[in-house]
Protein backbone atom coordinates (compact mmCIF):
# COMPACT_ATOMS: atom_id res chain seq x y z
CA MET A 1 251.08 246.25 24.56
CA GLY A 2 250.13 246.66 28.10
CA VAL A 3 246.71 245.69 29.21
CA ASP A 4 243.92 248.12 30.36
CA ILE A 5 241.58 246.21 32.07
CA ARG A 6 242.67 243.80 34.48
CA LEU A 7 241.09 241.23 36.86
CA GLU A 8 242.65 239.59 40.13
CA TRP A 9 241.06 237.87 43.14
CA GLY A 10 240.41 239.21 46.96
CA SER A 11 242.75 240.72 48.75
CA GLU A 12 246.05 239.79 47.19
CA GLY A 13 244.62 241.31 44.20
CA VAL A 14 243.78 244.41 45.46
CA ALA A 15 247.80 244.52 46.24
CA ALA A 16 248.46 243.57 42.98
CA LEU A 17 246.49 246.35 41.20
CA GLY A 18 246.28 248.84 43.63
CA ALA A 19 249.54 250.74 42.33
CA ASP A 20 248.90 250.18 38.66
CA CYS A 21 245.13 251.20 38.36
CA ALA A 22 243.37 254.26 38.47
CA VAL A 23 240.13 252.65 39.49
CA LEU A 24 239.62 249.38 41.16
CA VAL A 25 236.16 248.01 41.23
CA VAL A 26 235.32 245.60 44.25
CA VAL A 27 232.73 242.93 43.66
CA ASP A 28 230.93 241.06 46.17
CA VAL A 29 227.76 239.83 44.68
CA LEU A 30 226.62 237.98 47.99
CA SER A 31 226.30 240.08 49.41
CA PHE A 32 228.02 243.27 50.38
CA CYS A 33 227.99 245.21 47.03
CA THR A 34 224.63 244.15 46.18
CA THR A 35 223.22 245.35 49.42
CA THR A 36 225.16 248.54 49.20
CA ASP A 37 223.42 249.02 45.46
CA LEU A 38 220.11 248.62 47.22
CA VAL A 39 220.71 250.96 49.97
CA LEU A 40 221.66 253.86 47.59
CA GLY A 41 219.02 253.03 45.46
CA ASN A 42 216.81 254.30 48.35
CA GLY A 43 218.67 257.00 49.01
CA GLY A 44 221.43 256.05 51.79
CA ARG A 45 224.97 255.37 51.87
CA VAL A 46 227.06 252.94 53.14
CA LEU A 47 230.15 252.97 55.71
CA PRO A 48 232.26 249.67 54.78
CA VAL A 49 233.64 248.13 57.99
CA ARG A 50 236.41 245.46 58.26
CA TRP A 51 234.78 242.32 59.56
CA HIS A 52 235.05 241.84 63.30
CA ASP A 53 236.72 245.26 63.72
CA GLN A 54 235.37 247.10 66.68
CA ARG A 55 237.58 250.09 66.52
CA GLY A 56 236.18 250.53 62.71
CA GLU A 57 232.70 249.91 63.98
CA GLU A 58 233.27 252.44 67.30
CA ALA A 59 234.14 254.84 64.43
CA ALA A 60 231.66 254.55 62.25
CA LYS A 61 229.15 255.25 65.05
CA ALA A 62 231.11 258.19 65.81
CA ARG A 63 230.40 259.75 62.28
CA GLY A 64 226.67 258.94 62.85
CA ALA A 65 226.38 255.55 61.14
CA THR A 66 223.84 253.02 62.28
CA LEU A 67 225.46 249.69 62.31
CA ALA A 68 224.05 246.67 60.53
CA GLY A 69 222.28 244.26 62.95
CA GLU A 70 221.22 246.97 65.45
CA LYS A 71 217.91 247.30 63.69
CA HIS A 72 216.55 245.19 61.36
CA TRP A 73 219.03 246.33 58.78
CA THR A 74 221.77 243.51 57.88
CA LEU A 75 224.23 242.47 55.25
CA ARG A 76 221.39 240.65 53.46
CA PRO A 77 220.01 242.44 50.39
CA SER A 78 216.43 241.62 51.38
CA SER A 79 216.59 243.41 54.88
CA VAL A 80 217.78 246.87 53.11
CA THR A 81 215.02 246.94 50.37
CA GLU A 82 212.97 249.55 52.22
CA ILE A 83 215.66 251.49 54.20
CA PRO A 84 215.22 254.97 54.91
CA SER A 85 216.70 257.78 52.62
CA GLY A 86 219.14 259.53 54.36
CA THR A 87 220.63 256.40 56.27
CA LEU A 88 223.92 256.10 56.77
CA LEU A 89 224.63 252.12 57.17
CA ALA A 90 227.92 250.89 58.64
CA LEU A 91 228.00 247.52 57.29
CA PRO A 92 230.92 245.10 58.02
CA SER A 93 231.69 242.14 55.82
CA PRO A 94 234.39 239.91 55.59
CA ASN A 95 234.83 240.17 51.76
CA GLY A 96 233.63 243.13 50.20
CA ALA A 97 233.68 246.09 53.20
CA THR A 98 237.22 244.61 54.02
CA LEU A 99 238.38 244.94 50.42
CA CYS A 100 236.54 248.13 49.73
CA ASP A 101 238.69 249.36 53.34
CA ALA A 102 241.93 248.06 51.83
CA ALA A 103 241.77 249.42 48.46
CA ALA A 104 241.14 252.89 50.02
CA THR A 105 244.64 253.05 50.68
CA ALA A 106 245.34 252.09 47.34
CA GLY A 107 245.58 255.28 45.84
CA ALA A 108 242.60 254.39 43.05
CA VAL A 109 239.17 255.41 42.95
CA VAL A 110 237.59 252.49 44.72
CA LEU A 111 233.92 251.49 43.02
CA ALA A 112 231.45 248.77 44.19
CA GLY A 113 230.07 246.57 41.70
CA CYS A 114 227.76 243.50 41.41
CA LEU A 115 225.48 242.22 38.97
CA ARG A 116 222.65 244.95 39.53
CA ASN A 117 224.68 247.81 38.63
CA ALA A 118 226.93 246.32 36.09
CA THR A 119 226.96 248.62 33.07
CA ALA A 120 226.30 251.62 35.24
CA VAL A 121 229.47 250.53 36.87
CA ALA A 122 231.85 250.22 33.89
CA ALA A 123 230.57 253.36 32.19
CA ARG A 124 231.50 255.27 35.51
CA ALA A 125 234.84 253.37 35.92
CA ALA A 126 235.54 254.42 32.43
CA GLU A 127 234.55 257.69 32.89
CA LEU A 128 237.15 258.01 36.27
CA ALA A 129 239.99 256.22 34.55
CA ASP A 130 240.00 258.24 31.55
CA GLY A 131 242.27 255.83 29.68
CA SER A 132 244.38 254.66 32.61
CA PRO A 133 244.11 250.85 33.83
CA ILE A 134 241.24 249.38 35.44
CA GLY A 135 241.29 246.84 38.13
CA VAL A 136 238.28 244.49 38.61
CA ILE A 137 238.54 242.65 42.16
CA PRO A 138 235.90 239.69 42.45
CA ALA A 139 236.04 239.46 46.40
CA GLY A 140 235.27 235.33 46.41
CA GLU A 141 234.73 233.80 49.54
CA ARG A 142 237.23 232.70 52.82
CA TRP A 143 237.25 229.20 53.82
CA GLY A 144 236.61 229.05 57.61
CA ILE A 145 234.55 232.22 57.75
CA ASP A 146 230.76 231.79 59.25
CA ILE A 147 229.23 235.29 59.82
CA ARG A 148 227.13 233.87 62.44
CA THR A 149 230.16 232.96 64.63
CA GLU A 150 232.91 235.11 65.96
CA VAL A 151 235.74 233.44 64.52
CA LYS A 152 238.33 236.13 63.35
CA THR A 153 240.63 233.65 61.28
CA PHE A 154 240.48 234.27 57.72
CA GLY A 155 241.36 230.78 55.88
CA PRO A 156 242.53 230.74 52.15
CA LEU A 157 240.46 232.39 49.28
CA ARG A 158 237.59 230.54 47.80
CA PRO A 159 237.06 231.72 44.08
CA CYS A 160 232.89 231.73 44.02
CA VAL A 161 230.70 231.82 40.66
CA GLU A 162 228.65 235.00 41.79
CA ASP A 163 231.80 237.04 42.08
CA GLN A 164 233.40 235.53 38.68
CA LEU A 165 229.91 236.62 36.99
CA GLY A 166 229.54 239.96 38.43
CA ALA A 167 233.19 240.72 37.32
CA GLY A 168 232.64 239.28 34.44
CA ALA A 169 229.53 241.70 33.68
CA ILE A 170 231.44 244.61 34.34
CA VAL A 171 234.29 243.41 32.18
CA ALA A 172 232.07 242.75 29.34
CA ALA A 173 230.19 246.17 29.84
CA LEU A 174 233.64 247.72 29.21
CA SER A 175 234.13 246.60 25.46
CA GLY A 176 235.90 248.83 23.58
CA TYR A 177 237.57 250.49 26.68
CA GLY A 178 240.80 248.64 25.89
CA ARG A 179 243.13 245.39 26.05
CA LEU A 180 241.78 242.72 28.30
CA SER A 181 243.70 240.58 30.47
CA ALA A 182 243.29 236.64 30.01
CA GLU A 183 241.52 236.84 33.24
CA ALA A 184 239.26 239.20 32.57
CA ARG A 185 238.37 238.20 28.98
CA LEU A 186 237.65 234.93 30.41
CA ALA A 187 235.20 236.45 32.90
CA ALA A 188 233.36 238.22 30.10
CA VAL A 189 232.95 235.32 27.94
CA ALA A 190 231.52 233.45 31.08
CA ALA A 191 229.30 236.08 31.95
CA LYS A 192 227.77 236.50 28.65
CA ALA A 193 227.46 232.91 27.95
CA THR A 194 225.74 231.59 31.40
CA ASP A 195 221.95 232.00 32.45
CA ILE A 196 222.83 233.89 35.67
CA PRO A 197 219.91 233.51 37.72
CA GLU A 198 220.46 229.68 37.51
CA ALA A 199 223.78 229.58 38.01
CA LEU A 200 223.49 231.93 41.22
CA ALA A 201 220.52 229.42 42.31
CA GLU A 202 223.05 226.52 41.86
CA CYS A 203 226.45 227.90 42.95
CA SER A 204 227.66 226.97 46.40
CA SER A 205 227.01 230.45 47.61
CA GLY A 206 223.40 230.41 46.37
CA ARG A 207 222.57 226.96 47.78
CA GLU A 208 223.73 227.84 51.26
CA LEU A 209 221.71 231.14 51.43
CA ALA A 210 218.28 229.13 50.17
CA ALA A 211 219.03 226.38 52.45
CA ALA A 212 219.13 229.27 55.60
CA GLY A 213 215.73 230.25 53.94
CA HIS A 214 217.41 233.27 52.32
CA GLY A 215 216.76 232.63 48.59
CA ASN A 216 215.08 236.08 48.09
CA ASP A 217 218.53 237.66 48.57
CA VAL A 218 219.85 235.34 45.74
CA THR A 219 216.85 236.39 43.71
CA LEU A 220 217.92 240.51 44.45
CA ALA A 221 221.52 239.80 43.49
CA ALA A 222 220.61 238.07 40.10
CA GLN A 223 219.07 240.97 38.70
CA LEU A 224 221.42 242.03 35.73
CA ASP A 225 221.41 245.77 35.18
CA MET A 226 218.31 246.63 37.26
CA SER A 227 220.11 249.69 38.54
CA SER A 228 222.10 252.85 37.81
CA MET A 229 223.47 253.00 41.11
CA VAL A 230 227.34 253.39 41.10
CA PRO A 231 228.88 253.34 44.62
CA VAL A 232 231.71 255.52 44.63
CA LEU A 233 234.00 255.42 48.08
CA ARG A 234 234.49 258.91 49.19
CA ASN A 235 235.93 259.72 52.99
CA GLY A 236 235.80 256.12 53.58
CA ILE A 237 231.96 256.08 52.55
CA LEU A 238 230.02 254.47 49.61
CA GLU A 239 227.53 256.77 47.95
CA ASP A 240 226.39 257.22 44.42
CA LEU A 241 228.04 260.08 42.85
């Protein structure tokens, strides 16, 4: 018997599932997909840019995008809560944005999911896949990456609590779509059994952000199903379609 909903981590997960799944859902809770959800909720759009990709940044500007960091909008969710409607934000990140760009070449429809929009993204994924397999890709972190430096070398995958829970919430909302892989089933069980705000506050990523004075970003990211936005990648841009 085949599997209808699969879960694999990071860029390797995109490579493993891209050819077999009609829809890929990239999950980067802290912070790319959460920030994307908030931008779309304010009527904006997001252009994912690979991390430290100067050509990608220049191409984004040529399309009329504002590069994150040029104004007060950054990768942090709390920086975009009042972003003006109509803004096209070019948003680089080492995980979510980089994976969205990679997934765009896999032939599947690409969605950006997080805790805030888990149920909405699941419903749209089921509609778009129309019975074909769905792949859920928790981005994870990368050891050795520091977004405050210019270091370009990616270390090995660092699985993280927040993306496991975000992916699990999406899988749980796909209940009834079809047979789950063991990895997807485990993530769904964890999401349903966990106090999500507490887990995000206590996990490594959450504690790192809080220590840097960004605890509100964790609070925003932990708000389960607060949004109906479904970021769909079309022509390199994530928009609510």
